[in-house]
PDB file of N, CA and C in Angstrom:
ATOM      1  N   MET A   1       0.829  -1.162   0.000  1.00  0.00           N
ATOM      2  CA  MET A   1       0.000   0.000   0.000  1.00  0.00           C
ATOM      3  C   MET A   1       0.885   1.241   0.000  1.00  0.00           C
ATOM      4  N   GLN A   2       0.488   2.218  -0.824  1.00  0.00           N
ATOM      5  CA  GLN A   2       1.292   3.417  -0.995  1.00  0.00           C
ATOM      6  C   GLN A   2       0.853   4.491   0.000  1.00  0.00           C
ATOM      7  N   ASN A   3       1.814   5.219   0.556  1.00  0.00           N
ATOM      8  CA  ASN A   3       1.539   6.270   1.536  1.00  0.00           C
ATOM      9  C   ASN A   3       1.396   7.610   0.809  1.00  0.00           C
ATOM     10  N   PHE A   4       0.184   8.222   0.865  1.00  0.00           N
ATOM     11  CA  PHE A   4      -0.052   9.516   0.215  1.00  0.00           C
ATOM     12  C   PHE A   4       0.227  10.644   1.191  1.00  0.00           C
ATOM     13  N   ASN A   5       0.721  11.751   0.642  1.00  0.00           N
ATOM     14  CA  ASN A   5       1.038  12.934   1.448  1.00  0.00           C
ATOM     15  C   ASN A   5      -0.078  13.959   1.253  1.00  0.00           C
ATOM     16  N   PHE A   6      -1.047  13.988   2.157  1.00  0.00           N
ATOM     17  CA  PHE A   6      -2.164  14.913   2.057  1.00  0.00           C
ATOM     18  C   PHE A   6      -1.733  16.317   2.488  1.00  0.00           C
ATOM     19  N   PRO A   7      -2.413  17.377   1.991  1.00  0.00           N
ATOM     20  CA  PRO A   7      -2.051  18.748   2.359  1.00  0.00           C
ATOM     21  C   PRO A   7      -2.113  19.004   3.860  1.00  0.00           C
ATOM     22  N   ALA A   8      -2.980  18.322   4.578  1.00  0.00           N
ATOM     23  CA  ALA A   8      -3.086  18.529   6.023  1.00  0.00           C
ATOM     24  C   ALA A   8      -1.854  18.000   6.746  1.00  0.00           C
ATOM     25  N   ASP A   9      -1.135  17.089   6.090  1.00  0.00           N
ATOM     26  CA  ASP A   9       0.061  16.518   6.701  1.00  0.00           C
ATOM     27  C   ASP A   9       1.282  17.416   6.539  1.00  0.00           C
ATOM     28  N   ARG A  10       1.235  18.349   5.595  1.00  0.00           N
ATOM     29  CA  ARG A  10       2.371  19.237   5.339  1.00  0.00           C
ATOM     30  C   ARG A  10       2.287  20.483   6.215  1.00  0.00           C
ATOM     31  N   PRO A  11       3.439  21.052   6.598  1.00  0.00           N
ATOM     32  CA  PRO A  11       3.406  22.304   7.363  1.00  0.00           C
ATOM     33  C   PRO A  11       2.916  23.458   6.479  1.00  0.00           C
ATOM     34  N   MET A  12       2.375  24.505   7.132  1.00  0.00           N
ATOM     35  CA  MET A  12       1.864  25.657   6.404  1.00  0.00           C
ATOM     36  C   MET A  12       3.006  26.369   5.679  1.00  0.00           C
ATOM     37  N   SER A  13       2.770  26.747   4.448  1.00  0.00           N
ATOM     38  CA  SER A  13       3.815  27.421   3.686  1.00  0.00           C
ATOM     39  C   SER A  13       3.971  28.870   4.143  1.00  0.00           C
ATOM     40  N   THR A  14       5.085  29.450   3.792  1.00  0.00           N
ATOM     41  CA  THR A  14       5.367  30.840   4.145  1.00  0.00           C
ATOM     42  C   THR A  14       4.387  31.785   3.479  1.00  0.00           C
ATOM     43  N   LYS A  15       3.987  31.475   2.262  1.00  0.00           N
ATOM     44  CA  LYS A  15       3.045  32.323   1.531  1.00  0.00           C
ATOM     45  C   LYS A  15       1.697  32.371   2.247  1.00  0.00           C
ATOM     46  N   ILE A  16       1.216  31.239   2.730  1.00  0.00           N
ATOM     47  CA  ILE A  16      -0.066  31.196   3.446  1.00  0.00           C
ATOM     48  C   ILE A  16       0.042  31.951   4.767  1.00  0.00           C
ATOM     49  N   ARG A  17       1.154  31.814   5.455  1.00  0.00           N
ATOM     50  CA  ARG A  17       1.350  32.553   6.710  1.00  0.00           C
ATOM     51  C   ARG A  17       1.359  34.049   6.468  1.00  0.00           C
ATOM     52  N   LEU A  18       2.005  34.486   5.388  1.00  0.00           N
ATOM     53  CA  LEU A  18       2.056  35.913   5.063  1.00  0.00           C
ATOM     54  C   LEU A  18       0.667  36.458   4.747  1.00  0.00           C
ATOM     55  N   ILE A  19      -0.102  35.708   3.983  1.00  0.00           N
ATOM     56  CA  ILE A  19      -1.470  36.124   3.647  1.00  0.00           C
ATOM     57  C   ILE A  19      -2.329  36.205   4.910  1.00  0.00           C
ATOM     58  N   ALA A  20      -2.208  35.222   5.784  1.00  0.00           N
ATOM     59  CA  ALA A  20      -2.983  35.242   7.029  1.00  0.00           C
ATOM     60  C   ALA A  20      -2.603  36.446   7.899  1.00  0.00           C
ATOM     61  N   ALA A  21      -1.322  36.768   7.960  1.00  0.00           N
ATOM     62  CA  ALA A  21      -0.876  37.916   8.753  1.00  0.00           C
ATOM     63  C   ALA A  21      -1.407  39.218   8.171  1.00  0.00           C
ATOM     64  N   LEU A  22      -1.399  39.355   6.849  1.00  0.00           N
ATOM     65  CA  LEU A  22      -1.925  40.561   6.214  1.00  0.00           C
ATOM     66  C   LEU A  22      -3.422  40.719   6.434  1.00  0.00           C
ATOM     67  N   VAL A  23      -4.146  39.616   6.397  1.00  0.00           N
ATOM     68  CA  VAL A  23      -5.594  39.662   6.646  1.00  0.00           C
ATOM     69  C   VAL A  23      -5.867  40.117   8.080  1.00  0.00           C
ATOM     70  N   LEU A  24      -5.123  39.587   9.032  1.00  0.00           N
ATOM     71  CA  LEU A  24      -5.302  39.992  10.432  1.00  0.00           C
ATOM     72  C   LEU A  24      -4.950  41.452  10.649  1.00  0.00           C
ATOM     73  N   LEU A  25      -3.879  41.926  10.020  1.00  0.00           N
ATOM     74  CA  LEU A  25      -3.532  43.345  10.135  1.00  0.00           C
ATOM     75  C   LEU A  25      -4.591  44.229   9.506  1.00  0.00           C
ATOM     76  N   GLY A  26      -5.146  43.789   8.387  1.00  0.00           N
ATOM     77  CA  GLY A  26      -6.212  44.542   7.738  1.00  0.00           C
ATOM     78  C   GLY A  26      -7.448  44.639   8.598  1.00  0.00           C
ATOM     79  N   LEU A  27      -7.794  43.568   9.277  1.00  0.00           N
ATOM     80  CA  LEU A  27      -8.956  43.594  10.173  1.00  0.00           C
ATOM     81  C   LEU A  27      -8.714  44.508  11.370  1.00  0.00           C
ATOM     82  N   ALA A  28      -7.503  44.537  11.867  1.00  0.00           N
ATOM     83  CA  ALA A  28      -7.187  45.413  12.998  1.00  0.00           C
ATOM     84  C   ALA A  28      -7.275  46.872  12.598  1.00  0.00           C
ATOM     85  N   ALA A  29      -6.987  47.188  11.356  1.00  0.00           N
ATOM     86  CA  ALA A  29      -7.029  48.577  10.885  1.00  0.00           C
ATOM     87  C   ALA A  29      -8.443  49.044  10.584  1.00  0.00           C
ATOM     88  N   CYS A  30      -9.422  48.171  10.615  1.00  0.00           N
ATOM     89  CA  CYS A  30     -10.790  48.528  10.257  1.00  0.00           C
ATOM     90  C   CYS A  30     -11.539  49.284  11.350  1.00  0.00           C
ATOM     91  N   SER A  31     -11.028  49.359  12.541  1.00  0.00           N
ATOM     92  CA  SER A  31     -11.763  50.020  13.617  1.00  0.00           C
ATOM     93  C   SER A  31     -11.504  51.519  13.561  1.00  0.00           C
ATOM     94  N   GLN A  32     -12.328  52.236  12.815  1.00  0.00           N
ATOM     95  CA  GLN A  32     -12.160  53.673  12.628  1.00  0.00           C
ATOM     96  C   GLN A  32     -12.502  54.473  13.872  1.00  0.00           C
ATOM     97  N   LEU A  33     -13.440  54.035  14.648  1.00  0.00           N
ATOM     98  CA  LEU A  33     -13.926  54.845  15.749  1.00  0.00           C
ATOM     99  C   LEU A  33     -13.169  54.621  17.047  1.00  0.00           C
ATOM    100  N   ALA A  34     -12.042  53.946  16.990  1.00  0.00           N
ATOM    101  CA  ALA A  34     -11.264  53.709  18.190  1.00  0.00           C
ATOM    102  C   ALA A  34     -10.189  54.768  18.405  1.00  0.00           C
ATOM    103  N   GLU A  35     -10.136  55.787  17.551  1.00  0.00           N
ATOM    104  CA  GLU A  35      -9.074  56.771  17.625  1.00  0.00           C
ATOM    105  C   GLU A  35      -9.199  57.685  18.836  1.00  0.00           C
ATOM    106  N   THR A  36     -10.381  58.143  19.125  1.00  0.00           N
ATOM    107  CA  THR A  36     -10.543  59.171  20.142  1.00  0.00           C
ATOM    108  C   THR A  36     -11.559  58.746  21.179  1.00  0.00           C
ATOM    109  N   GLY A  37     -12.214  59.751  21.766  1.00  0.00           N
ATOM    110  CA  GLY A  37     -13.026  59.466  22.911  1.00  0.00           C
ATOM    111  C   GLY A  37     -14.488  59.225  22.703  1.00  0.00           C
ATOM    112  N   LYS A  38     -15.221  60.123  22.113  1.00  0.00           N
ATOM    113  CA  LYS A  38     -16.662  60.060  22.204  1.00  0.00           C
ATOM    114  C   LYS A  38     -17.309  59.809  20.851  1.00  0.00           C
ATOM    115  N   VAL A  39     -18.181  58.854  20.815  1.00  0.00           N
ATOM    116  CA  VAL A  39     -18.966  58.583  19.615  1.00  0.00           C
ATOM    117  C   VAL A  39     -20.340  59.193  19.831  1.00  0.00           C
ATOM    118  N   VAL A  40     -20.756  60.035  18.906  1.00  0.00           N
ATOM    119  CA  VAL A  40     -22.070  60.671  19.003  1.00  0.00           C
ATOM    120  C   VAL A  40     -22.928  60.175  17.856  1.00  0.00           C
ATOM    121  N   SER A  41     -24.226  60.240  18.037  1.00  0.00           N
ATOM    122  CA  SER A  41     -25.128  59.882  16.943  1.00  0.00           C
ATOM    123  C   SER A  41     -26.336  60.807  16.987  1.00  0.00           C
ATOM    124  N   ASP A  42     -26.969  60.948  15.843  1.00  0.00           N
ATOM    125  CA  ASP A  42     -28.163  61.781  15.783  1.00  0.00           C
ATOM    126  C   ASP A  42     -29.400  60.890  15.794  1.00  0.00           C
ATOM    127  N   ASN A  43     -30.563  61.482  15.573  1.00  0.00           N
ATOM    128  CA  ASN A  43     -31.813  60.722  15.610  1.00  0.00           C
ATOM    129  C   ASN A  43     -31.911  59.708  14.477  1.00  0.00           C
ATOM    130  N   ASN A  44     -31.145  59.934  13.407  1.00  0.00           N
ATOM    131  CA  ASN A  44     -31.184  59.009  12.274  1.00  0.00           C
ATOM    132  C   ASN A  44     -30.210  57.853  12.446  1.00  0.00           C
ATOM    133  N   GLY A  45     -29.454  57.848  13.537  1.00  0.00           N
ATOM    134  CA  GLY A  45     -28.518  56.764  13.783  1.00  0.00           C
ATOM    135  C   GLY A  45     -27.178  56.940  13.099  1.00  0.00           C
ATOM    136  N   ALA A  46     -26.899  58.123  12.560  1.00  0.00           N
ATOM    137  CA  ALA A  46     -25.621  58.357  11.895  1.00  0.00           C
ATOM    138  C   ALA A  46     -24.536  58.577  12.948  1.00  0.00           C
ATOM    139  N   LEU A  47     -23.467  57.812  12.848  1.00  0.00           N
ATOM    140  CA  LEU A  47     -22.401  57.877  13.844  1.00  0.00           C
ATOM    141  C   LEU A  47     -21.316  58.854  13.436  1.00  0.00           C
ATOM    142  N   ALA A  48     -20.670  59.427  14.431  1.00  0.00           N
ATOM    143  CA  ALA A  48     -19.504  60.278  14.216  1.00  0.00           C
ATOM    144  C   ALA A  48     -18.573  60.107  15.397  1.00  0.00           C
ATOM    145  N   ASP A  49     -17.309  60.272  15.152  1.00  0.00           N
ATOM    146  CA  ASP A  49     -16.295  60.210  16.194  1.00  0.00           C
ATOM    147  C   ASP A  49     -15.886  61.641  16.487  1.00  0.00           C
ATOM    148  N   SER A  50     -15.670  61.974  17.751  1.00  0.00           N
ATOM    149  CA  SER A  50     -15.289  63.347  18.076  1.00  0.00           C
ATOM    150  C   SER A  50     -14.129  63.350  19.055  1.00  0.00           C
ATOM    151  N   ASP A  51     -13.399  64.437  19.024  1.00  0.00           N
ATOM    152  CA  ASP A  51     -12.225  64.604  19.857  1.00  0.00           C
ATOM    153  C   ASP A  51     -12.192  66.044  20.346  1.00  0.00           C
ATOM    154  N   VAL A  52     -11.806  66.247  21.601  1.00  0.00           N
ATOM    155  CA  VAL A  52     -11.723  67.579  22.182  1.00  0.00           C
ATOM    156  C   VAL A  52     -10.329  67.759  22.771  1.00  0.00           C
ATOM    157  N   ARG A  53      -9.741  68.921  22.512  1.00  0.00           N
ATOM    158  CA  ARG A  53      -8.421  69.228  23.059  1.00  0.00           C
ATOM    159  C   ARG A  53      -8.454  70.631  23.666  1.00  0.00           C
ATOM    160  N   TYR A  54      -8.005  70.750  24.918  1.00  0.00           N
ATOM    161  CA  TYR A  54      -7.991  72.042  25.605  1.00  0.00           C
ATOM    162  C   TYR A  54      -6.819  72.866  25.097  1.00  0.00           C
ATOM    163  N   LEU A  55      -7.081  74.127  24.723  1.00  0.00           N
ATOM    164  CA  LEU A  55      -6.045  75.009  24.195  1.00  0.00           C
ATOM    165  C   LEU A  55      -5.642  76.100  25.169  1.00  0.00           C
ATOM    166  N   GLY A  56      -6.357  76.241  26.280  1.00  0.00           N
ATOM    167  CA  GLY A  56      -6.074  77.294  27.248  1.00  0.00           C
ATOM    168  C   GLY A  56      -7.023  78.465  27.058  1.00  0.00           C
ATOM    169  N   GLN A  57      -7.169  79.279  28.094  1.00  0.00           N
ATOM    170  CA  GLN A  57      -8.029  80.473  28.083  1.00  0.00           C
ATOM    171  C   GLN A  57      -9.462  80.146  27.647  1.00  0.00           C
ATOM    172  N   LYS A  58      -9.991  79.057  28.191  1.00  0.00           N
ATOM    173  CA  LYS A  58     -11.365  78.612  27.931  1.00  0.00           C
ATOM    174  C   LYS A  58     -11.630  78.306  26.462  1.00  0.00           C
ATOM    175  N   ARG A  59     -10.596  77.966  25.721  1.00  0.00           N
ATOM    176  CA  ARG A  59     -10.747  77.605  24.309  1.00  0.00           C
ATOM    177  C   ARG A  59     -10.465  76.119  24.127  1.00  0.00           C
ATOM    178  N   TYR A  60     -11.266  75.512  23.263  1.00  0.00           N
ATOM    179  CA  TYR A  60     -11.167  74.081  23.003  1.00  0.00           C
ATOM    180  C   TYR A  60     -11.203  73.840  21.495  1.00  0.00           C
ATOM    181  N   GLN A  61     -10.395  72.906  21.051  1.00  0.00           N
ATOM    182  CA  GLN A  61     -10.450  72.487  19.663  1.00  0.00           C
ATOM    183  C   GLN A  61     -11.313  71.239  19.591  1.00  0.00           C
ATOM    184  N   LEU A  62     -12.363  71.316  18.801  1.00  0.00           N
ATOM    185  CA  LEU A  62     -13.267  70.184  18.601  1.00  0.00           C
ATOM    186  C   LEU A  62     -13.084  69.659  17.188  1.00  0.00           C
ATOM    187  N   ARG A  63     -13.100  68.366  17.064  1.00  0.00           N
ATOM    188  CA  ARG A  63     -13.011  67.718  15.752  1.00  0.00           C
ATOM    189  C   ARG A  63     -14.045  66.599  15.715  1.00  0.00           C
ATOM    190  N   VAL A  64     -14.899  66.641  14.713  1.00  0.00           N
ATOM    191  CA  VAL A  64     -15.928  65.620  14.524  1.00  0.00           C
ATOM    192  C   VAL A  64     -15.674  64.980  13.177  1.00  0.00           C
ATOM    193  N   LYS A  65     -15.647  63.643  13.168  1.00  0.00           N
ATOM    194  CA  LYS A  65     -15.436  62.898  11.934  1.00  0.00           C
ATOM    195  C   LYS A  65     -16.683  62.083  11.640  1.00  0.00           C
ATOM    196  N   GLY A  66     -17.243  62.276  10.486  1.00  0.00           N
ATOM    197  CA  GLY A  66     -18.439  61.545  10.089  1.00  0.00           C
ATOM    198  C   GLY A  66     -18.118  60.113   9.718  1.00  0.00           C
ATOM    199  N   SER A  67     -19.121  59.271   9.735  1.00  0.00           N
ATOM    200  CA  SER A  67     -18.910  57.857   9.444  1.00  0.00           C
ATOM    201  C   SER A  67     -19.000  57.535   7.968  1.00  0.00           C
ATOM    202  N   SER A  68     -19.491  58.453   7.153  1.00  0.00           N
ATOM    203  CA  SER A  68     -19.678  58.137   5.739  1.00  0.00           C
ATOM    204  C   SER A  68     -19.659  59.403   4.906  1.00  0.00           C
ATOM    205  N   LEU A  69     -19.231  59.269   3.689  1.00  0.00           N
ATOM    206  CA  LEU A  69     -19.257  60.383   2.747  1.00  0.00           C
ATOM    207  C   LEU A  69     -20.663  60.623   2.222  1.00  0.00           C
ATOM    208  N   LEU A  70     -21.544  59.651   2.372  1.00  0.00           N
ATOM    209  CA  LEU A  70     -22.895  59.744   1.826  1.00  0.00           C
ATOM    210  C   LEU A  70     -23.782  60.718   2.590  1.00  0.00           C
ATOM    211  N   LEU A  71     -23.422  61.057   3.816  1.00  0.00           N
ATOM    212  CA  LEU A  71     -24.249  61.936   4.639  1.00  0.00           C
ATOM    213  C   LEU A  71     -23.763  63.372   4.495  1.00  0.00           C
ATOM    214  N   ASP A  72     -23.924  63.938   3.333  1.00  0.00           N
ATOM    215  CA  ASP A  72     -23.408  65.256   3.005  1.00  0.00           C
ATOM    216  C   ASP A  72     -24.058  66.328   3.877  1.00  0.00           C
ATOM    217  N   GLY A  73     -23.256  67.180   4.486  1.00  0.00           N
ATOM    218  CA  GLY A  73     -23.753  68.267   5.312  1.00  0.00           C
ATOM    219  C   GLY A  73     -24.052  67.881   6.745  1.00  0.00           C
ATOM    220  N   LEU A  74     -24.063  66.615   7.062  1.00  0.00           N
ATOM    221  CA  LEU A  74     -24.419  66.176   8.403  1.00  0.00           C
ATOM    222  C   LEU A  74     -23.303  66.437   9.411  1.00  0.00           C
ATOM    223  N   VAL A  75     -22.064  66.422   8.974  1.00  0.00           N
ATOM    224  CA  VAL A  75     -20.952  66.589   9.905  1.00  0.00           C
ATOM    225  C   VAL A  75     -20.942  68.000  10.508  1.00  0.00           C
ATOM    226  N   GLU A  76     -21.400  68.991   9.768  1.00  0.00           N
ATOM    227  CA  GLU A  76     -21.491  70.346  10.306  1.00  0.00           C
ATOM    228  C   GLU A  76     -22.528  70.419  11.430  1.00  0.00           C
ATOM    229  N   GLN A  77     -23.652  69.752  11.230  1.00  0.00           N
ATOM    230  CA  GLN A  77     -24.673  69.701  12.278  1.00  0.00           C
ATOM    231  C   GLN A  77     -24.149  68.966  13.507  1.00  0.00           C
ATOM    232  N   GLN A  78     -23.405  67.890  13.298  1.00  0.00           N
ATOM    233  CA  GLN A  78     -22.855  67.146  14.419  1.00  0.00           C
ATOM    234  C   GLN A  78     -21.796  67.955  15.153  1.00  0.00           C
ATOM    235  N   PHE A  79     -21.063  68.794  14.442  1.00  0.00           N
ATOM    236  CA  PHE A  79     -20.092  69.670  15.099  1.00  0.00           C
ATOM    237  C   PHE A  79     -20.807  70.643  16.035  1.00  0.00           C
ATOM    238  N   ARG A  80     -21.866  71.284  15.540  1.00  0.00           N
ATOM    239  CA  ARG A  80     -22.629  72.218  16.382  1.00  0.00           C
ATOM    240  C   ARG A  80     -23.236  71.510  17.583  1.00  0.00           C
ATOM    241  N   GLN A  81     -23.780  70.328  17.347  1.00  0.00           N
ATOM    242  CA  GLN A  81     -24.381  69.543  18.435  1.00  0.00           C
ATOM    243  C   GLN A  81     -23.328  69.191  19.483  1.00  0.00           C
ATOM    244  N   ARG A  82     -22.162  68.766  19.044  1.00  0.00           N
ATOM    245  CA  ARG A  82     -21.090  68.388  19.973  1.00  0.00           C
ATOM    246  C   ARG A  82     -20.568  69.600  20.731  1.00  0.00           C
ATOM    247  N   ALA A  83     -20.430  70.742  20.063  1.00  0.00           N
ATOM    248  CA  ALA A  83     -19.961  71.966  20.731  1.00  0.00           C
ATOM    249  C   ALA A  83     -20.957  72.412  21.797  1.00  0.00           C
ATOM    250  N   THR A  84     -22.226  72.380  21.475  1.00  0.00           N
ATOM    251  CA  THR A  84     -23.260  72.782  22.439  1.00  0.00           C
ATOM    252  C   THR A  84     -23.292  71.830  23.626  1.00  0.00           C
ATOM    253  N   GLU A  85     -23.221  70.540  23.349  1.00  0.00           N
ATOM    254  CA  GLU A  85     -23.245  69.527  24.410  1.00  0.00           C
ATOM    255  C   GLU A  85     -22.013  69.643  25.312  1.00  0.00           C
ATOM    256  N   PHE A  86     -20.841  69.801  24.708  1.00  0.00           N
ATOM    257  CA  PHE A  86     -19.602  69.868  25.477  1.00  0.00           C
ATOM    258  C   PHE A  86     -19.536  71.128  26.336  1.00  0.00           C
ATOM    259  N   THR A  87     -19.829  72.284  25.758  1.00  0.00           N
ATOM    260  CA  THR A  87     -19.757  73.525  26.534  1.00  0.00           C
ATOM    261  C   THR A  87     -20.860  73.587  27.589  1.00  0.00           C
ATOM    262  N   GLY A  88     -21.998  72.964  27.327  1.00  0.00           N
ATOM    263  CA  GLY A  88     -23.061  72.900  28.329  1.00  0.00           C
ATOM    264  C   GLY A  88     -22.626  72.125  29.569  1.00  0.00           C
ATOM    265  N   LYS A  89     -21.868  71.052  29.367  1.00  0.00           N
ATOM    266  CA  LYS A  89     -21.362  70.273  30.504  1.00  0.00           C
ATOM    267  C   LYS A  89     -20.343  71.055  31.317  1.00  0.00           C
ATOM    268  N   LEU A  90     -19.685  72.021  30.683  1.00  0.00           N
ATOM    269  CA  LEU A  90     -18.711  72.857  31.391  1.00  0.00           C
ATOM    270  C   LEU A  90     -19.391  73.986  32.165  1.00  0.00           C
ATOM    271  N   GLY A  91     -20.676  74.181  31.938  1.00  0.00           N
ATOM    272  CA  GLY A  91     -21.405  75.252  32.610  1.00  0.00           C
ATOM    273  C   GLY A  91     -21.403  76.562  31.842  1.00  0.00           C
ATOM    274  N   CYS A  92     -21.089  76.516  30.586  1.00  0.00           N
ATOM    275  CA  CYS A  92     -21.051  77.725  29.756  1.00  0.00           C
ATOM    276  C   CYS A  92     -22.472  78.142  29.373  1.00  0.00           C
ATOM    277  N   LYS A  93     -22.704  79.430  29.360  1.00  0.00           N
ATOM    278  CA  LYS A  93     -24.005  79.953  28.919  1.00  0.00           C
ATOM    279  C   LYS A  93     -24.138  79.855  27.401  1.00  0.00           C
ATOM    280  N   ARG A  94     -23.016  80.091  26.715  1.00  0.00           N
ATOM    281  CA  ARG A  94     -22.982  80.007  25.253  1.00  0.00           C
ATOM    282  C   ARG A  94     -21.540  79.770  24.824  1.00  0.00           C
ATOM    283  N   TRP A  95     -21.327  79.615  23.545  1.00  0.00           N
ATOM    284  CA  TRP A  95     -19.971  79.431  23.042  1.00  0.00           C
ATOM    285  C   TRP A  95     -19.761  80.251  21.786  1.00  0.00           C
ATOM    286  N   LEU A  96     -18.517  80.670  21.593  1.00  0.00           N
ATOM    287  CA  LEU A  96     -18.132  81.434  20.411  1.00  0.00           C
ATOM    288  C   LEU A  96     -17.247  80.566  19.524  1.00  0.00           C
ATOM    289  N   LEU A  97     -17.443  80.682  18.234  1.00  0.00           N
ATOM    290  CA  LEU A  97     -16.643  79.931  17.275  1.00  0.00           C
ATOM    291  C   LEU A  97     -15.557  80.845  16.718  1.00  0.00           C
ATOM    292  N   HIS A  98     -14.289  80.469  16.921  1.00  0.00           N
ATOM    293  CA  HIS A  98     -13.166  81.292  16.459  1.00  0.00           C
ATOM    294  C   HIS A  98     -12.600  80.825  15.129  1.00  0.00           C
ATOM    295  N   GLU A  99     -12.538  79.543  14.913  1.00  0.00           N
ATOM    296  CA  GLU A  99     -12.057  78.984  13.648  1.00  0.00           C
ATOM    297  C   GLU A  99     -12.939  77.799  13.292  1.00  0.00           C
ATOM    298  N   TYR A 100     -13.099  77.591  11.998  1.00  0.00           N
ATOM    299  CA  TYR A 100     -13.892  76.446  11.550  1.00  0.00           C
ATOM    300  C   TYR A 100     -13.407  76.025  10.166  1.00  0.00           C
ATOM    301  N   ARG A 101     -13.302  74.744   9.974  1.00  0.00           N
ATOM    302  CA  ARG A 101     -13.043  74.205   8.642  1.00  0.00           C
ATOM    303  C   ARG A 101     -13.676  72.823   8.563  1.00  0.00           C
ATOM    304  N   ALA A 102     -14.066  72.478   7.368  1.00  0.00           N
ATOM    305  CA  ALA A 102     -14.664  71.175   7.122  1.00  0.00           C
ATOM    306  C   ALA A 102     -14.139  70.669   5.791  1.00  0.00           C
ATOM    307  N   GLY A 103     -14.130  69.370   5.651  1.00  0.00           N
ATOM    308  CA  GLY A 103     -13.642  68.796   4.407  1.00  0.00           C
ATOM    309  C   GLY A 103     -13.791  67.292   4.405  1.00  0.00           C
ATOM    310  N   THR A 104     -12.999  66.679   3.545  1.00  0.00           N
ATOM    311  CA  THR A 104     -13.003  65.231   3.384  1.00  0.00           C
ATOM    312  C   THR A 104     -11.588  64.723   3.593  1.00  0.00           C
ATOM    313  N   GLU A 105     -11.452  63.634   4.363  1.00  0.00           N
ATOM    314  CA  GLU A 105     -10.137  63.046   4.599  1.00  0.00           C
ATOM    315  C   GLU A 105     -10.135  61.596   4.140  1.00  0.00           C
ATOM    316  N   ASN A 106      -8.973  61.120   3.771  1.00  0.00           N
ATOM    317  CA  ASN A 106      -8.831  59.732   3.339  1.00  0.00           C
ATOM    318  C   ASN A 106      -8.569  58.831   4.534  1.00  0.00           C
ATOM    319  N   THR A 107      -9.183  57.679   4.543  1.00  0.00           N
ATOM    320  CA  THR A 107      -8.942  56.651   5.553  1.00  0.00           C
ATOM    321  C   THR A 107      -8.665  55.342   4.833  1.00  0.00           C
ATOM    322  N   LEU A 108      -8.391  54.317   5.593  1.00  0.00           N
ATOM    323  CA  LEU A 108      -8.145  53.008   4.985  1.00  0.00           C
ATOM    324  C   LEU A 108      -9.371  52.467   4.258  1.00  0.00           C
ATOM    325  N   LEU A 109     -10.557  52.856   4.725  1.00  0.00           N
ATOM    326  CA  LEU A 109     -11.797  52.343   4.134  1.00  0.00           C
ATOM    327  C   LEU A 109     -12.441  53.320   3.165  1.00  0.00           C
ATOM    328  N   GLY A 110     -11.741  54.382   2.808  1.00  0.00           N
ATOM    329  CA  GLY A 110     -12.290  55.361   1.881  1.00  0.00           C
ATOM    330  C   GLY A 110     -12.384  56.730   2.514  1.00  0.00           C
ATOM    331  N   ALA A 111     -13.014  57.644   1.822  1.00  0.00           N
ATOM    332  CA  ALA A 111     -13.116  59.028   2.279  1.00  0.00           C
ATOM    333  C   ALA A 111     -14.230  59.192   3.298  1.00  0.00           C
ATOM    334  N   ARG A 112     -14.032  60.135   4.222  1.00  0.00           N
ATOM    335  CA  ARG A 112     -15.091  60.507   5.157  1.00  0.00           C
ATOM    336  C   ARG A 112     -14.957  61.992   5.486  1.00  0.00           C
ATOM    337  N   GLN A 113     -16.060  62.565   5.889  1.00  0.00           N
ATOM    338  CA  GLN A 113     -16.100  63.996   6.184  1.00  0.00           C
ATOM    339  C   GLN A 113     -15.583  64.285   7.582  1.00  0.00           C
ATOM    340  N   TYR A 114     -15.082  65.509   7.766  1.00  0.00           N
ATOM    341  CA  TYR A 114     -14.701  65.970   9.099  1.00  0.00           C
ATOM    342  C   TYR A 114     -15.043  67.446   9.223  1.00  0.00           C
ATOM    343  N   ALA A 115     -15.226  67.881  10.449  1.00  0.00           N
ATOM    344  CA  ALA A 115     -15.404  69.289  10.776  1.00  0.00           C
ATOM    345  C   ALA A 115     -14.550  69.565  12.006  1.00  0.00           C
ATOM    346  N   GLU A 116     -13.866  70.706  11.979  1.00  0.00           N
ATOM    347  CA  GLU A 116     -12.932  71.029  13.054  1.00  0.00           C
ATOM    348  C   GLU A 116     -13.027  72.515  13.335  1.00  0.00           C
ATOM    349  N   GLY A 117     -12.986  72.874  14.601  1.00  0.00           N
ATOM    350  CA  GLY A 117     -13.058  74.281  14.942  1.00  0.00           C
ATOM    351  C   GLY A 117     -12.579  74.549  16.361  1.00  0.00           C
ATOM    352  N   ILE A 118     -12.369  75.825  16.639  1.00  0.00           N
ATOM    353  CA  ILE A 118     -11.970  76.256  17.970  1.00  0.00           C
ATOM    354  C   ILE A 118     -13.135  77.029  18.568  1.00  0.00           C
ATOM    355  N   VAL A 119     -13.620  76.555  19.708  1.00  0.00           N
ATOM    356  CA  VAL A 119     -14.729  77.205  20.389  1.00  0.00           C
ATOM    357  C   VAL A 119     -14.246  77.759  21.734  1.00  0.00           C
ATOM    358  N   GLU A 120     -14.863  78.827  22.132  1.00  0.00           N
ATOM    359  CA  GLU A 120     -14.539  79.448  23.420  1.00  0.00           C
ATOM    360  C   GLU A 120     -15.778  79.407  24.316  1.00  0.00           C
ATOM    361  N   CYS A 121     -15.571  79.010  25.548  1.00  0.00           N
ATOM    362  CA  CYS A 121     -16.641  78.925  26.526  1.00  0.00           C
ATOM    363  C   CYS A 121     -16.907  80.320  27.100  1.00  0.00           C
ATOM    364  N   VAL A 122     -18.168  80.762  27.024  1.00  0.00           N
ATOM    365  CA  VAL A 122     -18.556  82.069  27.559  1.00  0.00           C
ATOM    366  C   VAL A 122     -19.456  81.812  28.759  1.00  0.00           C
ATOM    367  N   MET A 123     -19.019  82.298  29.921  1.00  0.00           N
ATOM    368  CA  MET A 123     -19.758  82.030  31.167  1.00  0.00           C
ATOM    369  C   MET A 123     -20.885  83.020  31.455  1.00  0.00           C
ATOM    370  N   GLN A 124     -20.869  84.179  30.818  1.00  0.00           N
ATOM    371  CA  GLN A 124     -21.902  85.186  31.116  1.00  0.00           C
ATOM    372  C   GLN A 124     -22.875  85.378  30.006  1.00  0.00           C
TER     373      GLN A 124
END
């Protein structure tokens, strides 16, 4: 009787190991919303990632990143919502917008919208 060498009996080739490693790295890079702190959503269920950085003198840099390019104009609304929510938690009566820009950025999964601005907390 002849002894056959089945593929399961052979060790994994280097090419298969490399492909498996690339697939795992690709899956790890898919988590877009793990970059910063707070995920916000609106009534329609559209998600956005936001980040806040203190600049001093009651000024904060806010950045909101939309989840899709298909929701045109929504990231600006989410920026205003996030600014109002954040400054309200600080006890501010209102907030002033000093700088604002919005655009589209490239990610591993394609383009997405962002809005970024500097807001100042006004206590009176």
